[in-house]
Structures are given as structure tokens and as C-alpha cells.
PDB file of all heavy atoms in Angstrom:
ATOM      1  N   MET A   1     131.581  84.262  90.191  1.00  0.00           N
ATOM      2  CA  MET A   1     130.280  83.684  89.886  1.00  0.00           C
ATOM      3  C   MET A   1     129.903  82.616  90.911  1.00  0.00           C
ATOM      4  O   MET A   1     128.792  82.605  91.447  1.00  0.00           O
ATOM      5  CB  MET A   1     130.295  83.075  88.486  1.00  0.00           C
ATOM      6  CG  MET A   1     129.058  82.239  88.178  1.00  0.00           C
ATOM      7  SD  MET A   1     129.167  81.361  86.596  1.00  0.00           S
ATOM      8  CE  MET A   1     127.811  80.187  86.792  1.00  0.00           C
ATOM      9  N   ASP A   2     130.853  81.712  91.187  1.00  0.00           N
ATOM     10  CA  ASP A   2     130.577  80.635  92.144  1.00  0.00           C
ATOM     11  C   ASP A   2     130.263  81.189  93.530  1.00  0.00           C
ATOM     12  O   ASP A   2     129.362  80.693  94.222  1.00  0.00           O
ATOM     13  CB  ASP A   2     131.774  79.688  92.219  1.00  0.00           C
ATOM     14  CG  ASP A   2     131.985  78.901  90.932  1.00  0.00           C
ATOM     15  OD1 ASP A   2     131.031  78.812  90.128  1.00  0.00           O
ATOM     16  OD2 ASP A   2     133.105  78.402  90.721  1.00  0.00           O
ATOM     17  N   ALA A   3     130.982  82.246  93.924  1.00  0.00           N
ATOM     18  CA  ALA A   3     130.747  82.846  95.236  1.00  0.00           C
ATOM     19  C   ALA A   3     129.365  83.483  95.298  1.00  0.00           C
ATOM     20  O   ALA A   3     128.644  83.347  96.299  1.00  0.00           O
ATOM     21  CB  ALA A   3     131.820  83.892  95.533  1.00  0.00           C
ATOM     22  N   ALA A   4     128.973  84.170  94.217  1.00  0.00           N
ATOM     23  CA  ALA A   4     127.655  84.806  94.181  1.00  0.00           C
ATOM     24  C   ALA A   4     126.547  83.767  94.239  1.00  0.00           C
ATOM     25  O   ALA A   4     125.564  83.925  94.989  1.00  0.00           O
ATOM     26  CB  ALA A   4     127.516  85.662  92.923  1.00  0.00           C
ATOM     27  N   MET A   5     126.686  82.702  93.481  1.00  0.00           N
ATOM     28  CA  MET A   5     125.654  81.660  93.477  1.00  0.00           C
ATOM     29  C   MET A   5     125.547  80.972  94.838  1.00  0.00           C
ATOM     30  O   MET A   5     124.460  80.585  95.266  1.00  0.00           O
ATOM     31  CB  MET A   5     125.945  80.630  92.378  1.00  0.00           C
ATOM     32  CG  MET A   5     125.819  81.179  90.965  1.00  0.00           C
ATOM     33  SD  MET A   5     124.166  81.822  90.593  1.00  0.00           S
ATOM     34  CE  MET A   5     123.210  80.295  90.587  1.00  0.00           C
ATOM     35  N   ALA A   6     126.687  80.840  95.527  1.00  0.00           N
ATOM     36  CA  ALA A   6     126.672  80.217  96.855  1.00  0.00           C
ATOM     37  C   ALA A   6     125.968  81.081  97.891  1.00  0.00           C
ATOM     38  O   ALA A   6     125.514  80.569  98.922  1.00  0.00           O
ATOM     39  CB  ALA A   6     128.106  79.929  97.303  1.00  0.00           C
ATOM     40  N   ARG A   7     125.874  82.375  97.617  1.00  0.00           N
ATOM     41  CA  ARG A   7     125.209  83.288  98.551  1.00  0.00           C
ATOM     42  C   ARG A   7     123.691  83.289  98.387  1.00  0.00           C
ATOM     43  O   ARG A   7     122.987  83.920  99.165  1.00  0.00           O
ATOM     44  CB  ARG A   7     125.726  84.722  98.362  1.00  0.00           C
ATOM     45  CG  ARG A   7     127.197  84.914  98.684  1.00  0.00           C
ATOM     46  CD  ARG A   7     127.588  86.391  98.599  1.00  0.00           C
ATOM     47  NE  ARG A   7     129.037  86.534  98.652  1.00  0.00           N
ATOM     48  CZ  ARG A   7     129.809  86.907  97.629  1.00  0.00           C
ATOM     49  NH1 ARG A   7     129.254  87.225  96.471  1.00  0.00           N
ATOM     50  NH2 ARG A   7     131.114  86.986  97.759  1.00  0.00           N
ATOM     51  N   ILE A   8     123.194  82.582  97.369  1.00  0.00           N
ATOM     52  CA  ILE A   8     121.752  82.576  97.084  1.00  0.00           C
ATOM     53  C   ILE A   8     121.140  81.237  97.469  1.00  0.00           C
ATOM     54  O   ILE A   8     121.594  80.182  97.029  1.00  0.00           O
ATOM     55  CB  ILE A   8     121.485  82.829  95.588  1.00  0.00           C
ATOM     56  CG1 ILE A   8     122.108  84.146  95.129  1.00  0.00           C
ATOM     57  CG2 ILE A   8     119.970  82.848  95.311  1.00  0.00           C
ATOM     58  CD1 ILE A   8     122.071  84.344  93.616  1.00  0.00           C
ATOM     59  N   THR A   9     120.121  81.299  98.299  1.00  0.00           N
ATOM     60  CA  THR A   9     119.288  80.129  98.558  1.00  0.00           C
ATOM     61  C   THR A   9     117.883  80.439  98.055  1.00  0.00           C
ATOM     62  O   THR A   9     117.565  81.580  97.726  1.00  0.00           O
ATOM     63  CB  THR A   9     119.254  79.780 100.058  1.00  0.00           C
ATOM     64  OG1 THR A   9     118.787  80.930 100.796  1.00  0.00           O
ATOM     65  CG2 THR A   9     120.621  79.384 100.564  1.00  0.00           C
ATOM     66  N   THR A  10     117.050  79.416  97.965  1.00  0.00           N
ATOM     67  CA  THR A  10     115.690  79.607  97.455  1.00  0.00           C
ATOM     68  C   THR A  10     114.679  79.007  98.416  1.00  0.00           C
ATOM     69  O   THR A  10     115.019  78.199  99.278  1.00  0.00           O
ATOM     70  CB  THR A  10     115.522  78.958  96.069  1.00  0.00           C
ATOM     71  OG1 THR A  10     115.753  77.540  96.183  1.00  0.00           O
ATOM     72  CG2 THR A  10     116.497  79.549  95.067  1.00  0.00           C
ATOM     73  N   GLY A  11     113.439  79.420  98.245  1.00  0.00           N
ATOM     74  CA  GLY A  11     112.377  78.888  99.077  1.00  0.00           C
ATOM     75  C   GLY A  11     111.051  79.559  98.779  1.00  0.00           C
ATOM     76  O   GLY A  11     110.941  80.367  97.853  1.00  0.00           O
ATOM     77  N   THR A  12     110.058  79.217  99.576  1.00  0.00           N
ATOM     78  CA  THR A  12     108.768  79.896  99.473  1.00  0.00           C
ATOM     79  C   THR A  12     108.801  81.126 100.381  1.00  0.00           C
ATOM     80  O   THR A  12     109.763  81.352 101.118  1.00  0.00           O
ATOM     81  CB  THR A  12     107.622  78.957  99.869  1.00  0.00           C
ATOM     82  OG1 THR A  12     107.917  78.345 101.130  1.00  0.00           O
ATOM     83  CG2 THR A  12     107.431  77.866  98.822  1.00  0.00           C
ATOM     84  N   ASN A  13     107.740  81.921 100.338  1.00  0.00           N
ATOM     85  CA  ASN A  13     107.775  83.240 100.953  1.00  0.00           C
ATOM     86  C   ASN A  13     108.081  83.242 102.455  1.00  0.00           C
ATOM     87  O   ASN A  13     108.647  84.200 102.973  1.00  0.00           O
ATOM     88  CB  ASN A  13     106.453  83.971 100.695  1.00  0.00           C
ATOM     89  CG  ASN A  13     106.279  84.334  99.228  1.00  0.00           C
ATOM     90  OD1 ASN A  13     107.213  84.255  98.443  1.00  0.00           O
ATOM     91  ND2 ASN A  13     105.077  84.742  98.847  1.00  0.00           N
ATOM     92  N   ASP A  14     107.728  82.169 103.151  1.00  0.00           N
ATOM     93  CA  ASP A  14     107.995  82.141 104.596  1.00  0.00           C
ATOM     94  C   ASP A  14     109.469  81.937 104.924  1.00  0.00           C
ATOM     95  O   ASP A  14     109.879  82.034 106.089  1.00  0.00           O
ATOM     96  CB  ASP A  14     107.153  81.067 105.292  1.00  0.00           C
ATOM     97  CG  ASP A  14     107.348  79.677 104.703  1.00  0.00           C
ATOM     98  OD1 ASP A  14     108.134  79.529 103.744  1.00  0.00           O
ATOM     99  OD2 ASP A  14     106.704  78.736 105.204  1.00  0.00           O
ATOM    100  N   ALA A  15     110.301  81.718 103.905  1.00  0.00           N
ATOM    101  CA  ALA A  15     111.738  81.529 104.129  1.00  0.00           C
ATOM    102  C   ALA A  15     112.450  82.836 104.465  1.00  0.00           C
ATOM    103  O   ALA A  15     113.637  82.830 104.787  1.00  0.00           O
ATOM    104  CB  ALA A  15     112.388  80.891 102.901  1.00  0.00           C
ATOM    105  N   VAL A  16     111.740  83.960 104.423  1.00  0.00           N
ATOM    106  CA  VAL A  16     112.357  85.259 104.729  1.00  0.00           C
ATOM    107  C   VAL A  16     112.279  85.588 106.219  1.00  0.00           C
ATOM    108  O   VAL A  16     112.637  86.696 106.626  1.00  0.00           O
ATOM    109  CB  VAL A  16     111.705  86.405 103.921  1.00  0.00           C
ATOM    110  CG1 VAL A  16     111.807  86.142 102.433  1.00  0.00           C
ATOM    111  CG2 VAL A  16     110.241  86.607 104.326  1.00  0.00           C
ATOM    112  N   ALA A  17     111.852  84.637 107.036  1.00  0.00           N
ATOM    113  CA  ALA A  17     111.587  84.904 108.458  1.00  0.00           C
ATOM    114  C   ALA A  17     112.763  85.537 109.189  1.00  0.00           C
ATOM    115  O   ALA A  17     112.567  86.397 110.054  1.00  0.00           O
ATOM    116  CB  ALA A  17     111.170  83.607 109.156  1.00  0.00           C
ATOM    117  N   ASP A  18     113.985  85.146 108.864  1.00  0.00           N
ATOM    118  CA  ASP A  18     115.148  85.654 109.605  1.00  0.00           C
ATOM    119  C   ASP A  18     115.945  86.683 108.811  1.00  0.00           C
ATOM    120  O   ASP A  18     117.114  86.946 109.113  1.00  0.00           O
ATOM    121  CB  ASP A  18     116.062  84.497 110.018  1.00  0.00           C
ATOM    122  CG  ASP A  18     116.632  83.740 108.828  1.00  0.00           C
ATOM    123  OD1 ASP A  18     116.064  83.860 107.717  1.00  0.00           O
ATOM    124  OD2 ASP A  18     117.635  83.037 109.007  1.00  0.00           O
ATOM    125  N   CYS A  19     115.320  87.293 107.806  1.00  0.00           N
ATOM    126  CA  CYS A  19     116.027  88.270 106.972  1.00  0.00           C
ATOM    127  C   CYS A  19     116.085  89.638 107.647  1.00  0.00           C
ATOM    128  O   CYS A  19     115.207  90.004 108.435  1.00  0.00           O
ATOM    129  CB  CYS A  19     115.348  88.401 105.612  1.00  0.00           C
ATOM    130  SG  CYS A  19     115.596  86.959 104.544  1.00  0.00           S
ATOM    131  N   ASP A  20     117.124  90.398 107.316  1.00  0.00           N
ATOM    132  CA  ASP A  20     117.264  91.765 107.824  1.00  0.00           C
ATOM    133  C   ASP A  20     116.475  92.758 106.977  1.00  0.00           C
ATOM    134  O   ASP A  20     115.987  93.770 107.479  1.00  0.00           O
ATOM    135  CB  ASP A  20     118.743  92.168 107.826  1.00  0.00           C
ATOM    136  CG  ASP A  20     119.579  91.226 108.670  1.00  0.00           C
ATOM    137  OD1 ASP A  20     119.358  91.189 109.892  1.00  0.00           O
ATOM    138  OD2 ASP A  20     120.427  90.507 108.103  1.00  0.00           O
ATOM    139  N   LEU A  21     116.374  92.476 105.691  1.00  0.00           N
ATOM    140  CA  LEU A  21     115.627  93.312 104.756  1.00  0.00           C
ATOM    141  C   LEU A  21     114.858  92.409 103.812  1.00  0.00           C
ATOM    142  O   LEU A  21     115.396  91.434 103.293  1.00  0.00           O
ATOM    143  CB  LEU A  21     116.588  94.194 103.931  1.00  0.00           C
ATOM    144  CG  LEU A  21     116.004  94.900 102.703  1.00  0.00           C
ATOM    145  CD1 LEU A  21     115.064  96.032 103.120  1.00  0.00           C
ATOM    146  CD2 LEU A  21     117.115  95.444 101.798  1.00  0.00           C
ATOM    147  N   VAL A  22     113.593  92.739 103.592  1.00  0.00           N
ATOM    148  CA  VAL A  22     112.787  92.045 102.591  1.00  0.00           C
ATOM    149  C   VAL A  22     112.465  93.032 101.483  1.00  0.00           C
ATOM    150  O   VAL A  22     111.979  94.137 101.741  1.00  0.00           O
ATOM    151  CB  VAL A  22     111.476  91.487 103.182  1.00  0.00           C
ATOM    152  CG1 VAL A  22     110.593  90.919 102.075  1.00  0.00           C
ATOM    153  CG2 VAL A  22     111.769  90.408 104.218  1.00  0.00           C
ATOM    154  N   VAL A  23     112.760  92.633 100.243  1.00  0.00           N
ATOM    155  CA  VAL A  23     112.402  93.436  99.076  1.00  0.00           C
ATOM    156  C   VAL A  23     111.276  92.709  98.359  1.00  0.00           C
ATOM    157  O   VAL A  23     111.474  91.615  97.832  1.00  0.00           O
ATOM    158  CB  VAL A  23     113.592  93.627  98.119  1.00  0.00           C
ATOM    159  CG1 VAL A  23     113.184  94.531  96.954  1.00  0.00           C
ATOM    160  CG2 VAL A  23     114.799  94.199  98.837  1.00  0.00           C
ATOM    161  N   GLU A  24     110.104  93.306  98.360  1.00  0.00           N
ATOM    162  CA  GLU A  24     108.944  92.709  97.683  1.00  0.00           C
ATOM    163  C   GLU A  24     108.985  93.078  96.211  1.00  0.00           C
ATOM    164  O   GLU A  24     109.057  94.254  95.868  1.00  0.00           O
ATOM    165  CB  GLU A  24     107.658  93.201  98.370  1.00  0.00           C
ATOM    166  CG  GLU A  24     106.387  92.810  97.662  1.00  0.00           C
ATOM    167  CD  GLU A  24     105.999  93.813  96.580  1.00  0.00           C
ATOM    168  OE1 GLU A  24     106.060  95.028  96.829  1.00  0.00           O
ATOM    169  OE2 GLU A  24     105.669  93.356  95.475  1.00  0.00           O
ATOM    170  N   ALA A  25     108.962  92.067  95.346  1.00  0.00           N
ATOM    171  CA  ALA A  25     108.995  92.288  93.900  1.00  0.00           C
ATOM    172  C   ALA A  25     107.928  91.437  93.225  1.00  0.00           C
ATOM    173  O   ALA A  25     108.168  90.801  92.195  1.00  0.00           O
ATOM    174  CB  ALA A  25     110.383  91.967  93.339  1.00  0.00           C
ATOM    175  N   ALA A  26     106.740  91.428  93.833  1.00  0.00           N
ATOM    176  CA  ALA A  26     105.619  90.657  93.290  1.00  0.00           C
ATOM    177  C   ALA A  26     104.919  91.456  92.199  1.00  0.00           C
ATOM    178  O   ALA A  26     105.351  92.544  91.820  1.00  0.00           O
ATOM    179  CB  ALA A  26     104.650  90.305  94.417  1.00  0.00           C
ATOM    180  N   LEU A  27     103.824  90.921  91.696  1.00  0.00           N
ATOM    181  CA  LEU A  27     103.074  91.584  90.635  1.00  0.00           C
ATOM    182  C   LEU A  27     102.610  92.967  91.078  1.00  0.00           C
ATOM    183  O   LEU A  27     102.388  93.213  92.263  1.00  0.00           O
ATOM    184  CB  LEU A  27     101.860  90.732  90.245  1.00  0.00           C
ATOM    185  CG  LEU A  27     102.165  89.364  89.613  1.00  0.00           C
ATOM    186  CD1 LEU A  27     100.871  88.589  89.405  1.00  0.00           C
ATOM    187  CD2 LEU A  27     102.909  89.521  88.294  1.00  0.00           C
ATOM    188  N   GLU A  28     102.441  93.863  90.104  1.00  0.00           N
ATOM    189  CA  GLU A  28     102.076  95.252  90.387  1.00  0.00           C
ATOM    190  C   GLU A  28     100.571  95.346  90.663  1.00  0.00           C
ATOM    191  O   GLU A  28      99.784  95.850  89.856  1.00  0.00           O
ATOM    192  CB  GLU A  28     102.489  96.140  89.205  1.00  0.00           C
ATOM    193  CG  GLU A  28     102.485  97.611  89.496  1.00  0.00           C
ATOM    194  CD  GLU A  28     103.631  98.078  90.387  1.00  0.00           C
ATOM    195  OE1 GLU A  28     104.340  97.238  90.984  1.00  0.00           O
ATOM    196  OE2 GLU A  28     103.818  99.292  90.482  1.00  0.00           O
ATOM    197  N   ASP A  29     100.193  94.842  91.844  1.00  0.00           N
ATOM    198  CA  ASP A  29      98.793  94.795  92.244  1.00  0.00           C
ATOM    199  C   ASP A  29      98.704  95.197  93.717  1.00  0.00           C
ATOM    200  O   ASP A  29      99.282  94.529  94.579  1.00  0.00           O
ATOM    201  CB  ASP A  29      98.249  93.373  92.038  1.00  0.00           C
ATOM    202  CG  ASP A  29      96.804  93.226  92.431  1.00  0.00           C
ATOM    203  OD1 ASP A  29      96.526  93.141  93.652  1.00  0.00           O
ATOM    204  OD2 ASP A  29      95.941  93.189  91.536  1.00  0.00           O
ATOM    205  N   MET A  30      97.996  96.278  94.002  1.00  0.00           N
ATOM    206  CA  MET A  30      97.968  96.821  95.353  1.00  0.00           C
ATOM    207  C   MET A  30      97.454  95.817  96.380  1.00  0.00           C
ATOM    208  O   MET A  30      98.050  95.639  97.442  1.00  0.00           O
ATOM    209  CB  MET A  30      97.118  98.103  95.377  1.00  0.00           C
ATOM    210  CG  MET A  30      96.974  98.729  96.762  1.00  0.00           C
ATOM    211  SD  MET A  30      98.559  99.314  97.464  1.00  0.00           S
ATOM    212  CE  MET A  30      98.713 100.910  96.659  1.00  0.00           C
ATOM    213  N   GLU A  31      96.334  95.166  96.095  1.00  0.00           N
ATOM    214  CA  GLU A  31      95.748  94.253  97.073  1.00  0.00           C
ATOM    215  C   GLU A  31      96.649  93.049  97.317  1.00  0.00           C
ATOM    216  O   GLU A  31      96.778  92.588  98.453  1.00  0.00           O
ATOM    217  CB  GLU A  31      94.349  93.810  96.618  1.00  0.00           C
ATOM    218  CG  GLU A  31      93.327  94.926  96.614  1.00  0.00           C
ATOM    219  CD  GLU A  31      93.267  95.666  97.960  1.00  0.00           C
ATOM    220  OE1 GLU A  31      93.217  95.007  99.005  1.00  0.00           O
ATOM    221  OE2 GLU A  31      93.295  96.910  97.951  1.00  0.00           O
ATOM    222  N   LEU A  32      97.275  92.542  96.269  1.00  0.00           N
ATOM    223  CA  LEU A  32      98.209  91.425  96.426  1.00  0.00           C
ATOM    224  C   LEU A  32      99.371  91.833  97.329  1.00  0.00           C
ATOM    225  O   LEU A  32      99.769  91.093  98.234  1.00  0.00           O
ATOM    226  CB  LEU A  32      98.716  90.977  95.064  1.00  0.00           C
ATOM    227  CG  LEU A  32      99.650  89.770  95.006  1.00  0.00           C
ATOM    228  CD1 LEU A  32      99.475  89.031  93.691  1.00  0.00           C
ATOM    229  CD2 LEU A  32     101.116  90.168  95.171  1.00  0.00           C
ATOM    230  N   LYS A  33      99.923  93.019  97.088  1.00  0.00           N
ATOM    231  CA  LYS A  33     101.061  93.480  97.887  1.00  0.00           C
ATOM    232  C   LYS A  33     100.654  93.712  99.338  1.00  0.00           C
ATOM    233  O   LYS A  33     101.414  93.385 100.263  1.00  0.00           O
ATOM    234  CB  LYS A  33     101.648  94.757  97.270  1.00  0.00           C
ATOM    235  CG  LYS A  33     102.353  94.542  95.930  1.00  0.00           C
ATOM    236  CD  LYS A  33     102.865  95.848  95.348  1.00  0.00           C
ATOM    237  CE  LYS A  33     103.444  95.681  93.954  1.00  0.00           C
ATOM    238  NZ  LYS A  33     104.684  94.907  93.919  1.00  0.00           N
ATOM    239  N   LYS A  34      99.477  94.269  99.567  1.00  0.00           N
ATOM    240  CA  LYS A  34      99.004  94.479 100.938  1.00  0.00           C
ATOM    241  C   LYS A  34      98.888  93.155 101.687  1.00  0.00           C
ATOM    242  O   LYS A  34      99.318  93.038 102.841  1.00  0.00           O
ATOM    243  CB  LYS A  34      97.641  95.180 100.918  1.00  0.00           C
ATOM    244  CG  LYS A  34      97.676  96.661 100.626  1.00  0.00           C
ATOM    245  CD  LYS A  34      96.243  97.202 100.668  1.00  0.00           C
ATOM    246  CE  LYS A  34      96.196  98.688 100.521  1.00  0.00           C
ATOM    247  NZ  LYS A  34      94.798  99.195 100.531  1.00  0.00           N
ATOM    248  N   ARG A  35      98.299  92.165 101.023  1.00  0.00           N
ATOM    249  CA  ARG A  35      98.172  90.843 101.659  1.00  0.00           C
ATOM    250  C   ARG A  35      99.534  90.262 101.968  1.00  0.00           C
ATOM    251  O   ARG A  35      99.749  89.661 103.035  1.00  0.00           O
ATOM    252  CB  ARG A  35      97.390  89.888 100.743  1.00  0.00           C
ATOM    253  CG  ARG A  35      95.918  90.154 100.649  1.00  0.00           C
ATOM    254  CD  ARG A  35      95.179  88.951 100.076  1.00  0.00           C
ATOM    255  NE  ARG A  35      95.707  88.533  98.783  1.00  0.00           N
ATOM    256  CZ  ARG A  35      95.291  89.028  97.618  1.00  0.00           C
ATOM    257  NH1 ARG A  35      94.350  89.967  97.581  1.00  0.00           N
ATOM    258  NH2 ARG A  35      95.806  88.575  96.494  1.00  0.00           N
ATOM    259  N   LEU A  36     100.450  90.428 101.042  1.00  0.00           N
ATOM    260  CA  LEU A  36     101.795  89.895 101.222  1.00  0.00           C
ATOM    261  C   LEU A  36     102.468  90.511 102.446  1.00  0.00           C
ATOM    262  O   LEU A  36     103.042  89.797 103.282  1.00  0.00           O
ATOM    263  CB  LEU A  36     102.618  90.157  99.966  1.00  0.00           C
ATOM    264  CG  LEU A  36     104.034  89.598  99.919  1.00  0.00           C
ATOM    265  CD1 LEU A  36     104.039  88.111 100.188  1.00  0.00           C
ATOM    266  CD2 LEU A  36     104.657  89.889  98.561  1.00  0.00           C
ATOM    267  N   PHE A  37     102.391  91.842 102.584  1.00  0.00           N
ATOM    268  CA  PHE A  37     103.016  92.493 103.735  1.00  0.00           C
ATOM    269  C   PHE A  37     102.313  92.129 105.047  1.00  0.00           C
ATOM    270  O   PHE A  37     102.981  91.981 106.078  1.00  0.00           O
ATOM    271  CB  PHE A  37     103.049  94.008 103.538  1.00  0.00           C
ATOM    272  CG  PHE A  37     104.171  94.474 102.641  1.00  0.00           C
ATOM    273  CD1 PHE A  37     103.901  95.140 101.456  1.00  0.00           C
ATOM    274  CD2 PHE A  37     105.490  94.230 102.981  1.00  0.00           C
ATOM    275  CE1 PHE A  37     104.933  95.567 100.622  1.00  0.00           C
ATOM    276  CE2 PHE A  37     106.534  94.644 102.151  1.00  0.00           C
ATOM    277  CZ  PHE A  37     106.244  95.308 100.974  1.00  0.00           C
ATOM    278  N   ARG A  38     100.999  91.961 105.018  1.00  0.00           N
ATOM    279  CA  ARG A  38     100.300  91.519 106.229  1.00  0.00           C
ATOM    280  C   ARG A  38     100.779  90.131 106.649  1.00  0.00           C
ATOM    281  O   ARG A  38     100.973  89.855 107.842  1.00  0.00           O
ATOM    282  CB  ARG A  38      98.785  91.520 106.005  1.00  0.00           C
ATOM    283  CG  ARG A  38      98.161  92.904 105.977  1.00  0.00           C
ATOM    284  CD  ARG A  38      96.652  92.842 106.142  1.00  0.00           C
ATOM    285  NE  ARG A  38      96.000  92.151 105.055  1.00  0.00           N
ATOM    286  CZ  ARG A  38      95.502  92.739 103.963  1.00  0.00           C
ATOM    287  NH1 ARG A  38      95.601  94.059 103.832  1.00  0.00           N
ATOM    288  NH2 ARG A  38      94.917  92.026 103.015  1.00  0.00           N
ATOM    289  N   ASP A  39     100.990  89.254 105.660  1.00  0.00           N
ATOM    290  CA  ASP A  39     101.497  87.913 105.968  1.00  0.00           C
ATOM    291  C   ASP A  39     102.941  87.977 106.478  1.00  0.00           C
ATOM    292  O   ASP A  39     103.309  87.260 107.417  1.00  0.00           O
ATOM    293  CB  ASP A  39     101.438  87.025 104.723  1.00  0.00           C
ATOM    294  CG  ASP A  39     100.014  86.689 104.300  1.00  0.00           C
ATOM    295  OD1 ASP A  39      99.093  86.844 105.140  1.00  0.00           O
ATOM    296  OD2 ASP A  39      99.815  86.284 103.139  1.00  0.00           O
TER     297      ASP A  39
END
């Protein structure tokens, strides 16, 4: 449990800048998701 929690950090959406994979799990709204991916 401690190891798993240590692997998790938090932030706002721009914190994914250096990620290898981004999984979008926002609200089920097409326009919202499109804007998110454009950003």
C-alpha cells in the first residue's frame, strides 16, 4: 500500500506534460473531451 501511494502524485491537468501515456477520464461530454485533447 505504501509503495503504491508513493507512486502517485497529484496536480492540475498541465502536470501531465512529461507523461508517456495520458488516460482521459473526464465527464462523458464530446466537446469537453475535444477541448481537453486540444489543450
